[in-house]
Amino acid sequence: MIKSVVSNEYQELQKEIIILQEQWKLQIASKSFKINFDQAEIEAGAPIVELAELELDMPRYKRWISELIDLMISFKPEIESELLKIPSLLTEETLIDWFGEAFFVNYTYFKRFAEEHEILESIPQFLAEVALRPFLQVISEKAQPEVEQMNLSEYCPVCFEPVRLATLDEEGKKVIQCPRCHAHWHAKSLECSHCGNEDHTTIHFLSIEGESAMQIQVCEQCKCYIKIIDTKQFITKPSVALLDLLSIHLDFVAQDNGYSPVREKKVIH
């Protein structure tokens, strides 16, 4: 049984958000688009999203944000006044900024936006990111056959999200999962997904007492970690995004023990 630190109310909100996102995906999944798999650009580190010729419909993006606001008000009426400040601010220019800054996870931009408009700090980025993900997921679905053939690193090749979550498939093999765009790929069981270390003496697991379905794989070489969840132990398998949320207590444990979800970038002078 999951011992999540996330409130039941927030879990229910997330479930409703996932339903909304699936509905939004249907609005764009039928549209034809192509991805220019330029090997040189991919090897240079370009996320596949940037290679996709998918029309980014800003009016639709705005409509999704409005639908999300309505949903959040039904769950969080205490922040209704904050949420209702948003629609009038969403000019086409702002929508383009939100889409781009959400993709690159620019916390500074959204913090500044919230301060400038006197809005609760967490709201703008949350809205922008949630409404962005269906675009990413549609591209990921189309790119999945290519993803499975790629030589992958510590970032998702589709949306460049840092690797932080894996599940075990029916054969017990480790499958890296991106909670953001839903790309997935197999990985070696005893390999650090961050630095590629395969030395079994420096890779080990942190287990949570009473938590048989979840563990944390840590690497002593780069001091990073990844959460690993055995979904076979669930009667109903949660979505990847919900698994990531429900296992957030593993992030706290790993970080309290000195491990990081991303490698520290070395500065070269």
C-alpha atoms as a PDB file:
ATOM      1  CA  MET A   1       0.000   0.000   0.000  1.00  0.00           C
ATOM      2  CA  ILE A   2       1.299   3.457  -0.923  1.00  0.00           C
ATOM      3  CA  LYS A   3       2.110   5.604   2.090  1.00  0.00           C
ATOM      4  CA  SER A   4       1.879   8.903   0.274  1.00  0.00           C
ATOM      5  CA  VAL A   5       2.359  12.238   1.995  1.00  0.00           C
ATOM      6  CA  VAL A   6       0.067  13.846  -0.592  1.00  0.00           C
ATOM      7  CA  SER A   7      -3.427  14.676   0.690  1.00  0.00           C
ATOM      8  CA  ASN A   8      -6.400  12.713  -0.636  1.00  0.00           C
ATOM      9  CA  GLU A   9      -7.907  15.959  -1.921  1.00  0.00           C
ATOM     10  CA  TYR A  10      -4.831  16.754  -3.997  1.00  0.00           C
ATOM     11  CA  GLN A  11      -4.693  13.178  -5.298  1.00  0.00           C
ATOM     12  CA  GLU A  12      -8.307  13.486  -6.459  1.00  0.00           C
ATOM     13  CA  LEU A  13      -7.528  16.806  -8.146  1.00  0.00           C
ATOM     14  CA  GLN A  14      -4.620  15.205  -9.971  1.00  0.00           C
ATOM     15  CA  LYS A  15      -6.810  12.332 -11.143  1.00  0.00           C
ATOM     16  CA  GLU A  16      -9.296  14.830 -12.579  1.00  0.00           C
ATOM     17  CA  ILE A  17      -6.471  16.759 -14.228  1.00  0.00           C
ATOM     18  CA  ILE A  18      -5.248  13.565 -15.901  1.00  0.00           C
ATOM     19  CA  ILE A  19      -8.762  12.940 -17.244  1.00  0.00           C
ATOM     20  CA  LEU A  20      -8.828  16.489 -18.611  1.00  0.00           C
ATOM     21  CA  GLN A  21      -5.421  16.036 -20.243  1.00  0.00           C
ATOM     22  CA  GLU A  22      -6.579  12.847 -21.957  1.00  0.00           C
ATOM     23  CA  GLN A  23      -9.579  14.730 -23.343  1.00  0.00           C
ATOM     24  CA  TRP A  24      -7.316  17.542 -24.540  1.00  0.00           C
ATOM     25  CA  LYS A  25      -4.998  15.082 -26.281  1.00  0.00           C
ATOM     26  CA  LEU A  26      -7.893  13.779 -28.344  1.00  0.00           C
ATOM     27  CA  GLN A  27      -8.338  17.279 -29.741  1.00  0.00           C
ATOM     28  CA  ILE A  28      -4.879  17.238 -31.293  1.00  0.00           C
ATOM     29  CA  ALA A  29      -3.946  13.558 -31.646  1.00  0.00           C
ATOM     30  CA  SER A  30      -5.896  13.163 -34.899  1.00  0.00           C
ATOM     31  CA  LYS A  31      -4.021  16.006 -36.574  1.00  0.00           C
ATOM     32  CA  SER A  32      -1.185  14.898 -38.806  1.00  0.00           C
ATOM     33  CA  PHE A  33       2.254  16.240 -38.047  1.00  0.00           C
ATOM     34  CA  LYS A  34       5.759  15.008 -38.549  1.00  0.00           C
ATOM     35  CA  ILE A  35       8.967  14.952 -36.569  1.00  0.00           C
ATOM     36  CA  ASN A  36      12.223  15.711 -38.343  1.00  0.00           C
ATOM     37  CA  PHE A  37      14.546  13.224 -36.689  1.00  0.00           C
ATOM     38  CA  ASP A  38      17.761  15.063 -37.437  1.00  0.00           C
ATOM     39  CA  GLN A  39      20.407  12.801 -35.933  1.00  0.00           C
ATOM     40  CA  ALA A  40      22.971  15.591 -35.683  1.00  0.00           C
ATOM     41  CA  GLU A  41      20.570  17.797 -33.715  1.00  0.00           C
ATOM     42  CA  ILE A  42      19.531  14.923 -31.464  1.00  0.00           C
ATOM     43  CA  GLU A  43      23.162  14.043 -30.741  1.00  0.00           C
ATOM     44  CA  ALA A  44      23.789  17.718 -30.000  1.00  0.00           C
ATOM     45  CA  GLY A  45      21.124  17.515 -27.290  1.00  0.00           C
ATOM     46  CA  ALA A  46      18.025  18.924 -28.983  1.00  0.00           C
ATOM     47  CA  PRO A  47      14.830  17.527 -27.405  1.00  0.00           C
ATOM     48  CA  ILE A  48      12.561  15.800 -29.923  1.00  0.00           C
ATOM     49  CA  VAL A  49       9.777  18.282 -29.129  1.00  0.00           C
ATOM     50  CA  GLU A  50      11.824  20.967 -30.856  1.00  0.00           C
ATOM     51  CA  LEU A  51      11.992  18.816 -34.005  1.00  0.00           C
ATOM     52  CA  ALA A  52       8.222  18.327 -34.265  1.00  0.00           C
ATOM     53  CA  GLU A  53       6.137  20.239 -36.789  1.00  0.00           C
ATOM     54  CA  LEU A  54       3.066  20.455 -34.574  1.00  0.00           C
ATOM     55  CA  GLU A  55       0.874  23.529 -34.705  1.00  0.00           C
ATOM     56  CA  LEU A  56       0.843  25.155 -31.294  1.00  0.00           C
ATOM     57  CA  ASP A  57      -2.704  26.486 -31.115  1.00  0.00           C
ATOM     58  CA  MET A  58      -2.629  29.342 -28.579  1.00  0.00           C
ATOM     59  CA  PRO A  59      -6.438  29.829 -28.435  1.00  0.00           C
ATOM     60  CA  ARG A  60      -6.749  26.138 -27.587  1.00  0.00           C
ATOM     61  CA  TYR A  61      -3.981  26.443 -24.984  1.00  0.00           C
ATOM     62  CA  LYS A  62      -5.872  29.366 -23.432  1.00  0.00           C
ATOM     63  CA  ARG A  63      -9.122  27.387 -23.425  1.00  0.00           C
ATOM     64  CA  TRP A  64      -7.424  24.500 -21.651  1.00  0.00           C
ATOM     65  CA  ILE A  65      -6.055  26.842 -18.995  1.00  0.00           C
ATOM     66  CA  SER A  66      -9.581  28.219 -18.454  1.00  0.00           C
ATOM     67  CA  GLU A  67     -10.986  24.691 -18.090  1.00  0.00           C
ATOM     68  CA  LEU A  68      -8.234  23.887 -15.628  1.00  0.00           C
ATOM     69  CA  ILE A  69      -9.042  27.024 -13.617  1.00  0.00           C
ATOM     70  CA  ASP A  70     -12.690  25.930 -13.378  1.00  0.00           C
ATOM     71  CA  LEU A  71     -11.604  22.496 -12.164  1.00  0.00           C
ATOM     72  CA  MET A  72      -9.258  23.935  -9.560  1.00  0.00           C
ATOM     73  CA  ILE A  73     -11.939  26.282  -8.241  1.00  0.00           C
ATOM     74  CA  SER A  74     -14.210  23.281  -7.653  1.00  0.00           C
ATOM     75  CA  PHE A  75     -11.479  21.683  -5.526  1.00  0.00           C
ATOM     76  CA  LYS A  76      -9.915  24.829  -4.050  1.00  0.00           C
ATOM     77  CA  PRO A  77     -12.629  27.492  -3.652  1.00  0.00           C
ATOM     78  CA  GLU A  78     -10.409  29.293  -1.158  1.00  0.00           C
ATOM     79  CA  ILE A  79      -8.093  30.403  -4.003  1.00  0.00           C
ATOM     80  CA  GLU A  80     -10.873  31.291  -6.454  1.00  0.00           C
ATOM     81  CA  SER A  81     -10.083  35.011  -6.336  1.00  0.00           C
ATOM     82  CA  GLU A  82      -6.434  34.269  -7.206  1.00  0.00           C
ATOM     83  CA  LEU A  83      -7.356  31.970 -10.082  1.00  0.00           C
ATOM     84  CA  LEU A  84      -9.863  34.404 -11.554  1.00  0.00           C
ATOM     85  CA  LYS A  85      -7.132  37.005 -12.015  1.00  0.00           C
ATOM     86  CA  ILE A  86      -5.531  34.817 -14.691  1.00  0.00           C
ATOM     87  CA  PRO A  87      -7.869  34.812 -17.751  1.00  0.00           C
ATOM     88  CA  SER A  88      -7.700  38.568 -18.385  1.00  0.00           C
ATOM     89  CA  LEU A  89      -3.885  38.394 -18.331  1.00  0.00           C
ATOM     90  CA  LEU A  90      -3.631  35.750 -21.052  1.00  0.00           C
ATOM     91  CA  THR A  91      -2.890  37.823 -24.122  1.00  0.00           C
ATOM     92  CA  GLU A  92      -1.472  36.005 -27.140  1.00  0.00           C
ATOM     93  CA  GLU A  93       1.995  37.258 -26.236  1.00  0.00           C
ATOM     94  CA  THR A  94       1.647  36.031 -22.662  1.00  0.00           C
ATOM     95  CA  LEU A  95       0.384  32.636 -23.834  1.00  0.00           C
ATOM     96  CA  ILE A  96       3.408  32.225 -26.089  1.00  0.00           C
ATOM     97  CA  ASP A  97       5.659  33.166 -23.181  1.00  0.00           C
ATOM     98  CA  TRP A  98       3.889  30.753 -20.832  1.00  0.00           C
ATOM     99  CA  PHE A  99       4.170  27.896 -23.300  1.00  0.00           C
ATOM    100  CA  GLY A 100       7.879  28.436 -23.898  1.00  0.00           C
ATOM    101  CA  GLU A 101       8.852  29.191 -20.317  1.00  0.00           C
ATOM    102  CA  ALA A 102       6.866  26.204 -19.033  1.00  0.00           C
ATOM    103  CA  PHE A 103       8.656  23.926 -21.486  1.00  0.00           C
ATOM    104  CA  PHE A 104      12.049  25.118 -20.242  1.00  0.00           C
ATOM    105  CA  VAL A 105      10.852  25.063 -16.595  1.00  0.00           C
ATOM    106  CA  ASN A 106      11.780  28.687 -16.036  1.00  0.00           C
ATOM    107  CA  TYR A 107      10.891  29.160 -12.366  1.00  0.00           C
ATOM    108  CA  THR A 108      12.291  32.692 -12.373  1.00  0.00           C
ATOM    109  CA  TYR A 109       9.946  33.856 -15.137  1.00  0.00           C
ATOM    110  CA  PHE A 110       6.832  32.524 -13.399  1.00  0.00           C
ATOM    111  CA  LYS A 111       7.896  33.846 -10.008  1.00  0.00           C
ATOM    112  CA  ARG A 112       8.361  37.294 -11.527  1.00  0.00           C
ATOM    113  CA  PHE A 113       5.007  37.040 -13.347  1.00  0.00           C
ATOM    114  CA  ALA A 114       3.221  36.142 -10.101  1.00  0.00           C
ATOM    115  CA  GLU A 115       4.863  38.989  -8.209  1.00  0.00           C
ATOM    116  CA  GLU A 116       4.089  41.513 -10.956  1.00  0.00           C
ATOM    117  CA  HIS A 117       0.395  40.605 -11.002  1.00  0.00           C
ATOM    118  CA  GLU A 118       0.074  39.885  -7.274  1.00  0.00           C
ATOM    119  CA  ILE A 119      -0.911  36.262  -7.739  1.00  0.00           C
ATOM    120  CA  LEU A 120      -0.125  33.301  -5.518  1.00  0.00           C
ATOM    121  CA  GLU A 121       3.356  32.259  -6.666  1.00  0.00           C
ATOM    122  CA  SER A 122       2.607  28.614  -7.434  1.00  0.00           C
ATOM    123  CA  ILE A 123      -0.397  29.219  -9.707  1.00  0.00           C
ATOM    124  CA  PRO A 124       0.968  30.523 -13.051  1.00  0.00           C
ATOM    125  CA  GLN A 125       3.596  27.834 -13.580  1.00  0.00           C
ATOM    126  CA  PHE A 126       1.216  25.081 -12.493  1.00  0.00           C
ATOM    127  CA  LEU A 127      -1.440  26.179 -15.005  1.00  0.00           C
ATOM    128  CA  ALA A 128       1.088  26.642 -17.808  1.00  0.00           C
ATOM    129  CA  GLU A 129       2.732  23.256 -17.239  1.00  0.00           C
ATOM    130  CA  VAL A 130      -0.478  21.230 -16.916  1.00  0.00           C
ATOM    131  CA  ALA A 131      -1.883  22.689 -20.151  1.00  0.00           C
ATOM    132  CA  LEU A 132       1.451  22.173 -21.923  1.00  0.00           C
ATOM    133  CA  ARG A 133       1.730  18.437 -21.229  1.00  0.00           C
ATOM    134  CA  PRO A 134      -0.863  17.156 -23.742  1.00  0.00           C
ATOM    135  CA  PHE A 135       1.196  18.715 -26.554  1.00  0.00           C
ATOM    136  CA  LEU A 136       4.315  16.984 -25.223  1.00  0.00           C
ATOM    137  CA  GLN A 137       2.527  13.669 -24.800  1.00  0.00           C
ATOM    138  CA  VAL A 138       1.139  13.623 -28.346  1.00  0.00           C
ATOM    139  CA  ILE A 139       4.627  14.258 -29.722  1.00  0.00           C
ATOM    140  CA  SER A 140       6.040  11.583 -27.407  1.00  0.00           C
ATOM    141  CA  GLU A 141       3.548   8.985 -28.628  1.00  0.00           C
ATOM    142  CA  LYS A 142       4.608   9.604 -32.208  1.00  0.00           C
ATOM    143  CA  ALA A 143       8.297   9.558 -31.290  1.00  0.00           C
ATOM    144  CA  GLN A 144       8.162   6.423 -29.109  1.00  0.00           C
ATOM    145  CA  PRO A 145       9.456   3.968 -31.781  1.00  0.00           C
ATOM    146  CA  GLU A 146      12.511   6.189 -32.260  1.00  0.00           C
ATOM    147  CA  VAL A 147      12.996   6.642 -28.514  1.00  0.00           C
ATOM    148  CA  GLU A 148      13.303   2.878 -28.062  1.00  0.00           C
ATOM    149  CA  GLN A 149      16.213   2.811 -30.530  1.00  0.00           C
ATOM    150  CA  MET A 150      18.147   5.715 -29.043  1.00  0.00           C
ATOM    151  CA  ASN A 151      21.232   5.741 -26.852  1.00  0.00           C
ATOM    152  CA  LEU A 152      19.664   7.518 -23.893  1.00  0.00           C
ATOM    153  CA  SER A 153      21.123   9.578 -21.072  1.00  0.00           C
ATOM    154  CA  GLU A 154      19.939  11.206 -17.883  1.00  0.00           C
ATOM    155  CA  TYR A 155      17.312  13.332 -19.607  1.00  0.00           C
ATOM    156  CA  CYS A 156      14.155  12.394 -21.459  1.00  0.00           C
ATOM    157  CA  PRO A 157      14.960  12.647 -25.191  1.00  0.00           C
ATOM    158  CA  VAL A 158      11.509  14.041 -25.964  1.00  0.00           C
ATOM    159  CA  CYS A 159      11.008  16.841 -23.423  1.00  0.00           C
ATOM    160  CA  PHE A 160      14.380  16.926 -21.628  1.00  0.00           C
ATOM    161  CA  GLU A 161      12.871  16.190 -18.213  1.00  0.00           C
ATOM    162  CA  PRO A 162      15.526  14.788 -15.843  1.00  0.00           C
ATOM    163  CA  VAL A 163      15.189  11.022 -15.302  1.00  0.00           C
ATOM    164  CA  ARG A 164      13.704  10.354 -11.870  1.00  0.00           C
ATOM    165  CA  LEU A 165      11.232   7.471 -12.108  1.00  0.00           C
ATOM    166  CA  ALA A 166      11.251   3.858 -13.311  1.00  0.00           C
ATOM    167  CA  THR A 167       8.805   0.980 -13.136  1.00  0.00           C
ATOM    168  CA  LEU A 168       9.334  -2.765 -13.378  1.00  0.00           C
ATOM    169  CA  ASP A 169       7.665  -4.501 -16.319  1.00  0.00           C
ATOM    170  CA  GLU A 170       6.033  -7.938 -16.248  1.00  0.00           C
ATOM    171  CA  GLU A 171       9.452  -9.601 -16.559  1.00  0.00           C
ATOM    172  CA  GLY A 172      10.921  -7.488 -13.778  1.00  0.00           C
ATOM    173  CA  LYS A 173      12.986  -5.322 -16.138  1.00  0.00           C
ATOM    174  CA  LYS A 174      13.545  -1.650 -15.367  1.00  0.00           C
ATOM    175  CA  VAL A 175      11.671   0.805 -17.577  1.00  0.00           C
ATOM    176  CA  ILE A 176      12.465   4.519 -17.303  1.00  0.00           C
ATOM    177  CA  GLN A 177       9.259   6.563 -17.350  1.00  0.00           C
ATOM    178  CA  CYS A 178       8.902  10.276 -18.041  1.00  0.00           C
ATOM    179  CA  PRO A 179       5.978  11.585 -15.957  1.00  0.00           C
ATOM    180  CA  ARG A 180       5.865  14.723 -18.084  1.00  0.00           C
ATOM    181  CA  CYS A 181       5.566  13.470 -21.676  1.00  0.00           C
ATOM    182  CA  HIS A 182       5.146   9.697 -21.039  1.00  0.00           C
ATOM    183  CA  ALA A 183       8.164   8.614 -23.096  1.00  0.00           C
ATOM    184  CA  HIS A 184       9.616   5.348 -21.787  1.00  0.00           C
ATOM    185  CA  TRP A 185      12.552   3.050 -22.453  1.00  0.00           C
ATOM    186  CA  HIS A 186      14.261   0.008 -20.948  1.00  0.00           C
ATOM    187  CA  ALA A 187      17.411   0.413 -18.888  1.00  0.00           C
ATOM    188  CA  LYS A 188      19.870  -1.955 -17.237  1.00  0.00           C
ATOM    189  CA  SER A 189      18.827  -2.957 -13.745  1.00  0.00           C
ATOM    190  CA  LEU A 190      22.172  -2.062 -12.154  1.00  0.00           C
ATOM    191  CA  GLU A 191      23.067   1.022 -14.142  1.00  0.00           C
ATOM    192  CA  CYS A 192      22.910   4.590 -12.908  1.00  0.00           C
ATOM    193  CA  SER A 193      20.596   6.477 -15.244  1.00  0.00           C
ATOM    194  CA  HIS A 194      22.470   9.684 -14.509  1.00  0.00           C
ATOM    195  CA  CYS A 195      26.171   8.875 -14.973  1.00  0.00           C
ATOM    196  CA  GLY A 196      26.093   5.398 -16.543  1.00  0.00           C
ATOM    197  CA  ASN A 197      27.921   3.767 -13.631  1.00  0.00           C
ATOM    198  CA  GLU A 198      27.492  -0.040 -13.653  1.00  0.00           C
ATOM    199  CA  ASP A 199      29.703  -0.893 -10.684  1.00  0.00           C
ATOM    200  CA  HIS A 200      27.450  -2.918  -8.399  1.00  0.00           C
ATOM    201  CA  THR A 201      29.576  -1.975  -5.389  1.00  0.00           C
ATOM    202  CA  THR A 202      28.640   1.704  -5.762  1.00  0.00           C
ATOM    203  CA  ILE A 203      24.979   1.245  -6.704  1.00  0.00           C
ATOM    204  CA  HIS A 204      22.569   0.202  -3.999  1.00  0.00           C
ATOM    205  CA  PHE A 205      18.989   0.600  -2.846  1.00  0.00           C
ATOM    206  CA  LEU A 206      17.246   2.498  -0.091  1.00  0.00           C
ATOM    207  CA  SER A 207      14.074   0.777   1.023  1.00  0.00           C
ATOM    208  CA  ILE A 208      11.167   2.290   2.923  1.00  0.00           C
ATOM    209  CA  GLU A 209       9.939   0.307   5.912  1.00  0.00           C
ATOM    210  CA  GLY A 210       6.634  -1.364   5.108  1.00  0.00           C
ATOM    211  CA  GLU A 211       6.821  -0.236   1.466  1.00  0.00           C
ATOM    212  CA  SER A 212       7.336  -3.329  -0.685  1.00  0.00           C
ATOM    213  CA  ALA A 213       6.362  -1.791  -4.029  1.00  0.00           C
ATOM    214  CA  MET A 214       8.781   1.141  -3.983  1.00  0.00           C
ATOM    215  CA  GLN A 215      12.499   1.640  -3.534  1.00  0.00           C
ATOM    216  CA  ILE A 216      15.195   4.164  -4.336  1.00  0.00           C
ATOM    217  CA  GLN A 217      18.230   3.267  -6.432  1.00  0.00           C
ATOM    218  CA  VAL A 218      21.226   5.428  -5.525  1.00  0.00           C
ATOM    219  CA  CYS A 219      24.662   5.870  -7.049  1.00  0.00           C
ATOM    220  CA  GLU A 220      27.691   6.666  -4.902  1.00  0.00           C
ATOM    221  CA  GLN A 221      29.727   7.910  -7.878  1.00  0.00           C
ATOM    222  CA  CYS A 222      27.470  10.811  -8.861  1.00  0.00           C
ATOM    223  CA  LYS A 223      25.300  10.905  -5.687  1.00  0.00           C
ATOM    224  CA  CYS A 224      22.074  10.782  -7.714  1.00  0.00           C
ATOM    225  CA  TYR A 225      18.986   8.619  -7.358  1.00  0.00           C
ATOM    226  CA  ILE A 226      15.978   7.280  -9.221  1.00  0.00           C
ATOM    227  CA  LYS A 227      12.690   5.972  -7.818  1.00  0.00           C
ATOM    228  CA  ILE A 228      11.743   2.433  -8.857  1.00  0.00           C
ATOM    229  CA  ILE A 229       8.165   1.199  -8.491  1.00  0.00           C
ATOM    230  CA  ASP A 230       6.902  -2.346  -8.976  1.00  0.00           C
ATOM    231  CA  THR A 231       3.471  -1.691 -10.467  1.00  0.00           C
ATOM    232  CA  LYS A 232       2.635  -5.409 -10.511  1.00  0.00           C
ATOM    233  CA  GLN A 233       1.767  -4.989  -6.849  1.00  0.00           C
ATOM    234  CA  PHE A 234      -1.062  -2.577  -7.674  1.00  0.00           C
ATOM    235  CA  ILE A 235      -4.583  -3.820  -8.321  1.00  0.00           C
ATOM    236  CA  THR A 236      -5.175  -0.791 -10.536  1.00  0.00           C
ATOM    237  CA  LYS A 237      -2.050   0.668 -12.116  1.00  0.00           C
ATOM    238  CA  PRO A 238      -1.908   4.460 -11.617  1.00  0.00           C
ATOM    239  CA  SER A 239      -0.787   6.755 -14.420  1.00  0.00           C
ATOM    240  CA  VAL A 240       2.913   7.606 -14.505  1.00  0.00           C
ATOM    241  CA  ALA A 241       2.233  11.190 -13.453  1.00  0.00           C
ATOM    242  CA  LEU A 242       0.229   9.973 -10.463  1.00  0.00           C
ATOM    243  CA  LEU A 243       2.914   7.431  -9.549  1.00  0.00           C
ATOM    244  CA  ASP A 244       5.445  10.241  -9.498  1.00  0.00           C
ATOM    245  CA  LEU A 245       3.212  12.286  -7.222  1.00  0.00           C
ATOM    246  CA  LEU A 246       2.329   9.406  -4.892  1.00  0.00           C
ATOM    247  CA  SER A 247       5.997   8.487  -4.486  1.00  0.00           C
ATOM    248  CA  ILE A 248       7.146  11.995  -3.601  1.00  0.00           C
ATOM    249  CA  HIS A 249       8.020  10.760  -0.097  1.00  0.00           C
ATOM    250  CA  LEU A 250      10.822   8.741  -1.744  1.00  0.00           C
ATOM    251  CA  ASP A 251      12.262  12.008  -3.060  1.00  0.00           C
ATOM    252  CA  PHE A 252      12.300  13.394   0.468  1.00  0.00           C
ATOM    253  CA  VAL A 253      14.043  10.272   1.789  1.00  0.00           C
ATOM    254  CA  ALA A 254      16.661  10.268  -0.973  1.00  0.00           C
ATOM    255  CA  GLN A 255      17.419  13.958  -0.637  1.00  0.00           C
ATOM    256  CA  ASP A 256      17.541  13.752   3.160  1.00  0.00           C
ATOM    257  CA  ASN A 257      20.220  11.090   2.677  1.00  0.00           C
ATOM    258  CA  GLY A 258      22.314  13.353   0.459  1.00  0.00           C
ATOM    259  CA  TYR A 259      21.268  12.204  -3.019  1.00  0.00           C
ATOM    260  CA  SER A 260      20.076  14.433  -5.854  1.00  0.00           C
ATOM    261  CA  PRO A 261      17.583  13.921  -8.721  1.00  0.00           C
ATOM    262  CA  VAL A 262      20.027  15.619 -11.127  1.00  0.00           C
ATOM    263  CA  ARG A 263      23.781  15.664 -11.453  1.00  0.00           C
ATOM    264  CA  GLU A 264      25.653  18.731 -10.339  1.00  0.00           C
ATOM    265  CA  LYS A 265      26.982  20.612 -13.332  1.00  0.00           C
ATOM    266  CA  LYS A 266      30.709  21.125 -13.180  1.00  0.00           C
ATOM    267  CA  VAL A 267      31.880  24.627 -13.907  1.00  0.00           C
ATOM    268  CA  ILE A 268      34.952  24.800 -16.136  1.00  0.00           C
ATOM    269  CA  HIS A 269      37.005  27.963 -15.860  1.00  0.00           C
END
